[in-house]
């Protein structure tokens, strides 16, 4: 097992003199359970994945990514409160874990706690400004609280770096639907079609037509 993977997954390998030490048996078992959990989650076997991530944490309580994936699994099972606690545990171990901040924001979004979600997305972006997924989530949260100018700003920042980003175009289209600006909404619909995002384009067009008919 390479040191790089272990360190990436939250295992601290450096000794006081900077030398590498061999992972313990418990740390290797934790990694085994973690990888099994990932495989099970990929197959949508969330209850089984949950047990594997719990076992990983039992073997290594400082395994931040195991706490993070435990939270994602709880969230997929609709257990938002437990998901939030798992993400918070990951962040206590690794306060610079961008994925955990983003996932915590998504959990708050799911609970309708949009202002809390915005705070988490902002913390993630301070650590990784180029994280487009997080910035799109931020735009969605601003949209949910009616802060349209901030939503537009977030989505446009994504498009400056990634002009074909489907989530950003769809999000901006939704903003302009709410603002009753059909022309701009249709521009983003066209952008989705040009980039081959036909399903997102279809959904946005439904929103546009719904607004027109009301």
Protein backbone atom coordinates (compact mmCIF):
# COMPACT_ATOMS: atom_id res chain seq x y z
CA UNK A 1 0.00 0.00 0.00
CA UNK A 2 1.55 3.33 -1.04
CA UNK A 3 2.09 6.05 1.54
CA UNK A 4 0.46 8.62 -0.76
CA UNK A 5 -2.94 6.93 -0.75
CA UNK A 6 -2.88 6.44 3.02
CA UNK A 7 -1.99 10.08 3.63
CA UNK A 8 -4.64 11.27 1.19
CA UNK A 9 -7.24 9.32 3.14
CA UNK A 10 -6.37 10.94 6.45
CA UNK A 11 -3.60 8.71 7.76
CA UNK A 12 -0.72 10.61 9.38
CA UNK A 13 2.53 8.86 8.45
CA UNK A 14 5.20 11.39 9.41
CA UNK A 15 7.12 10.94 12.61
CA UNK A 16 8.71 13.74 14.58
CA UNK A 17 11.93 13.46 12.56
CA UNK A 18 10.03 13.52 9.27
CA UNK A 19 10.68 9.85 8.54
CA UNK A 20 8.00 7.50 7.25
CA UNK A 21 6.59 4.80 9.49
CA UNK A 22 4.82 1.65 8.47
CA UNK A 23 1.01 1.70 8.75
CA UNK A 24 -0.35 -0.35 11.61
CA UNK A 25 -2.55 -3.38 11.12
CA UNK A 26 -5.57 -1.39 12.33
CA UNK A 27 -4.87 1.38 9.82
CA UNK A 28 -4.66 -1.10 6.98
CA UNK A 29 -7.88 -2.77 8.13
CA UNK A 30 -9.54 0.64 8.25
CA UNK A 31 -8.50 1.30 4.67
CA UNK A 32 -9.82 -2.12 3.61
CA UNK A 33 -13.23 -1.40 5.16
CA UNK A 34 -13.23 2.08 3.60
CA UNK A 35 -12.56 0.73 0.11
CA UNK A 36 -15.22 -1.95 0.58
CA UNK A 37 -17.68 0.75 1.62
CA UNK A 38 -16.92 2.76 -1.50
CA UNK A 39 -17.53 -0.27 -3.71
CA UNK A 40 -20.82 -1.07 -1.99
CA UNK A 41 -22.00 2.55 -2.23
CA UNK A 42 -21.18 2.54 -5.95
CA UNK A 43 -23.56 -0.42 -6.27
CA UNK A 44 -26.21 1.48 -4.25
CA UNK A 45 -25.89 -1.00 -1.36
CA UNK A 46 -26.04 1.79 1.18
CA UNK A 47 -26.91 -0.18 4.31
CA UNK A 48 -23.96 -2.49 3.73
CA UNK A 49 -21.69 0.46 2.88
CA UNK A 50 -22.74 2.13 6.12
CA UNK A 51 -21.44 -0.81 8.15
CA UNK A 52 -18.13 -0.82 6.29
CA UNK A 53 -17.51 2.87 6.93
CA UNK A 54 -18.42 2.38 10.59
CA UNK A 55 -15.89 -0.44 10.79
CA UNK A 56 -13.25 1.77 9.16
CA UNK A 57 -13.84 4.43 11.81
CA UNK A 58 -13.80 1.82 14.58
CA UNK A 59 -10.34 0.76 13.42
CA UNK A 60 -9.11 4.34 12.93
CA UNK A 61 -11.22 7.05 14.55
CA UNK A 62 -9.05 9.76 12.93
CA UNK A 63 -9.91 8.61 9.40
CA UNK A 64 -11.47 11.84 8.10
CA UNK A 65 -12.51 10.47 4.70
CA UNK A 66 -14.30 7.54 6.33
CA UNK A 67 -16.34 10.00 8.41
CA UNK A 68 -17.05 11.98 5.22
CA UNK A 69 -18.23 8.92 3.29
CA UNK A 70 -20.27 7.76 6.28
CA UNK A 71 -22.02 11.12 6.10
CA UNK A 72 -22.68 10.79 2.37
CA UNK A 73 -24.16 7.35 2.95
CA UNK A 74 -26.41 8.59 5.76
CA UNK A 75 -27.53 11.38 3.44
CA UNK A 76 -28.39 8.93 0.67
CA UNK A 77 -30.50 7.06 3.20
CA UNK A 78 -32.31 10.28 4.15
CA UNK A 79 -30.74 10.49 7.62
CA UNK A 80 -29.67 14.12 7.39
CA UNK A 81 -28.97 14.71 11.10
CA UNK A 82 -26.56 11.79 11.20
CA UNK A 83 -24.97 12.95 7.96
CA UNK A 84 -24.34 16.40 9.44
CA UNK A 85 -22.68 14.88 12.53
CA UNK A 86 -20.43 12.73 10.35
CA UNK A 87 -19.31 15.69 8.24
CA UNK A 88 -18.64 17.69 11.37
CA UNK A 89 -16.54 14.82 12.70
CA UNK A 90 -14.52 14.80 9.47
CA UNK A 91 -13.91 18.54 9.79
CA UNK A 92 -12.80 18.27 13.40
CA UNK A 93 -10.10 15.88 12.20
CA UNK A 94 -9.30 17.76 8.98
CA UNK A 95 -10.45 21.41 9.08
CA UNK A 96 -9.27 21.91 5.49
CA UNK A 97 -11.39 19.12 4.00
CA UNK A 98 -13.15 20.83 1.08
CA UNK A 99 -15.31 17.79 0.28
CA UNK A 100 -16.63 17.66 3.84
CA UNK A 101 -17.54 21.38 3.79
CA UNK A 102 -19.30 20.92 0.45
CA UNK A 103 -21.17 17.84 1.64
CA UNK A 104 -22.16 19.60 4.84
CA UNK A 105 -23.52 22.44 2.72
CA UNK A 106 -25.53 19.98 0.64
CA UNK A 107 -26.93 18.45 3.83
CA UNK A 108 -28.03 21.87 5.07
CA UNK A 109 -29.57 22.52 1.64
CA UNK A 110 -31.53 19.27 1.93
CA UNK A 111 -32.86 20.40 5.30
CA UNK A 112 -33.89 23.80 3.92
CA UNK A 113 -31.16 25.50 5.96
CA UNK A 114 -29.90 27.60 3.07
CA UNK A 115 -28.01 30.25 5.03
CA UNK A 116 -26.03 27.54 6.82
CA UNK A 117 -25.38 25.91 3.46
CA UNK A 118 -24.03 29.19 2.08
CA UNK A 119 -21.61 29.46 5.02
CA UNK A 120 -20.27 25.97 4.37
CA UNK A 121 -19.84 26.57 0.63
CA UNK A 122 -18.01 29.82 1.35
CA UNK A 123 -15.62 28.02 3.70
CA UNK A 124 -14.94 25.41 1.04
CA UNK A 125 -14.28 28.08 -1.59
CA UNK A 126 -11.86 29.94 0.65
CA UNK A 127 -9.82 26.74 0.67
CA UNK A 128 -10.32 25.90 -3.01
CA UNK A 129 -11.60 28.85 -5.10
CA UNK A 130 -11.49 26.80 -8.32
CA UNK A 131 -13.98 24.20 -7.03
CA UNK A 132 -16.72 24.62 -9.66
CA UNK A 133 -19.07 22.09 -8.08
CA UNK A 134 -19.00 24.02 -4.81
CA UNK A 135 -19.53 27.36 -6.55
CA UNK A 136 -22.49 25.96 -8.46
CA UNK A 137 -23.93 24.72 -5.16
CA UNK A 138 -23.39 28.19 -3.74
CA UNK A 139 -25.32 29.66 -6.66
CA UNK A 140 -28.17 27.25 -6.05
CA UNK A 141 -28.30 28.15 -2.35
CA UNK A 142 -28.37 31.88 -3.15
CA UNK A 143 -31.17 31.17 -5.65
CA UNK A 144 -33.11 29.33 -2.94
CA UNK A 145 -33.08 32.37 -0.65
CA UNK A 146 -33.91 34.79 -3.47
CA UNK A 147 -30.45 36.40 -3.62
CA UNK A 148 -30.49 36.47 -7.40
CA UNK A 149 -27.56 38.87 -7.88
CA UNK A 150 -25.30 36.65 -5.79
CA UNK A 151 -26.52 33.55 -7.61
CA UNK A 152 -25.76 35.14 -10.99
CA UNK A 153 -22.31 36.13 -9.76
CA UNK A 154 -21.52 32.59 -8.58
CA UNK A 155 -22.73 30.93 -11.78
CA UNK A 156 -20.92 33.44 -14.01
CA UNK A 157 -17.67 32.80 -12.14
CA UNK A 158 -18.02 29.13 -13.03
CA UNK A 159 -18.72 29.93 -16.68
CA UNK A 160 -15.68 32.19 -16.91
CA UNK A 161 -13.50 29.16 -16.19
CA UNK A 162 -15.73 26.49 -17.77
CA UNK A 163 -17.97 28.00 -20.50
CA UNK A 164 -19.92 24.78 -21.13
CA UNK A 165 -20.70 23.96 -17.51
CA UNK A 166 -24.24 22.58 -17.64
CA UNK A 167 -25.13 23.19 -14.00
CA UNK A 168 -24.14 26.85 -14.25
CA UNK A 169 -26.14 27.41 -17.46
CA UNK A 170 -29.14 25.63 -15.98
CA UNK A 171 -28.85 27.59 -12.75
CA UNK A 172 -28.65 30.91 -14.56
CA UNK A 173 -31.60 29.92 -16.70
CA UNK A 174 -33.62 29.23 -13.54
CA UNK A 175 -32.63 32.61 -12.11
CA UNK A 176 -33.80 34.43 -15.25
CA UNK A 177 -37.05 32.44 -15.27
CA UNK A 178 -37.74 33.71 -11.75
CA UNK A 179 -36.80 37.23 -12.84
CA UNK A 180 -39.20 36.84 -15.79
CA UNK A 181 -36.40 37.52 -18.27
CA UNK A 182 -37.34 34.99 -20.92
CA UNK A 183 -34.73 36.21 -23.41
CA UNK A 184 -31.78 35.53 -21.11
CA UNK A 185 -33.30 32.26 -19.92
CA UNK A 186 -33.53 31.09 -23.54
CA UNK A 187 -29.90 32.07 -24.13
CA UNK A 188 -28.83 29.60 -21.48
CA UNK A 189 -31.21 27.01 -22.91
CA UNK A 190 -29.45 27.43 -26.26
CA UNK A 191 -26.05 27.11 -24.59
CA UNK A 192 -27.12 23.81 -23.06
CA UNK A 193 -28.26 22.50 -26.43
CA UNK A 194 -25.02 23.57 -28.13
CA UNK A 195 -22.95 21.74 -25.53
CA UNK A 196 -25.03 18.57 -25.93
CA UNK A 197 -26.75 18.82 -22.54
CA UNK A 198 -30.14 17.87 -23.96
CA UNK A 199 -31.75 16.68 -20.70
CA UNK A 200 -30.78 19.83 -18.81
CA UNK A 201 -32.01 21.89 -21.79
CA UNK A 202 -35.33 20.05 -21.76
CA UNK A 203 -35.82 20.67 -18.04
CA UNK A 204 -34.98 24.35 -18.38
CA UNK A 205 -37.36 24.76 -21.31
CA UNK A 206 -40.12 23.24 -19.19
CA UNK A 207 -39.43 25.87 -16.51
CA UNK A 208 -39.50 28.63 -19.14
CA UNK A 209 -42.77 27.42 -20.69
CA UNK A 210 -44.34 27.02 -17.24
CA UNK A 211 -43.51 30.64 -16.42
CA UNK A 212 -44.89 31.86 -19.75
CA UNK A 213 -48.17 30.00 -19.28
CA UNK A 214 -48.78 31.36 -15.76
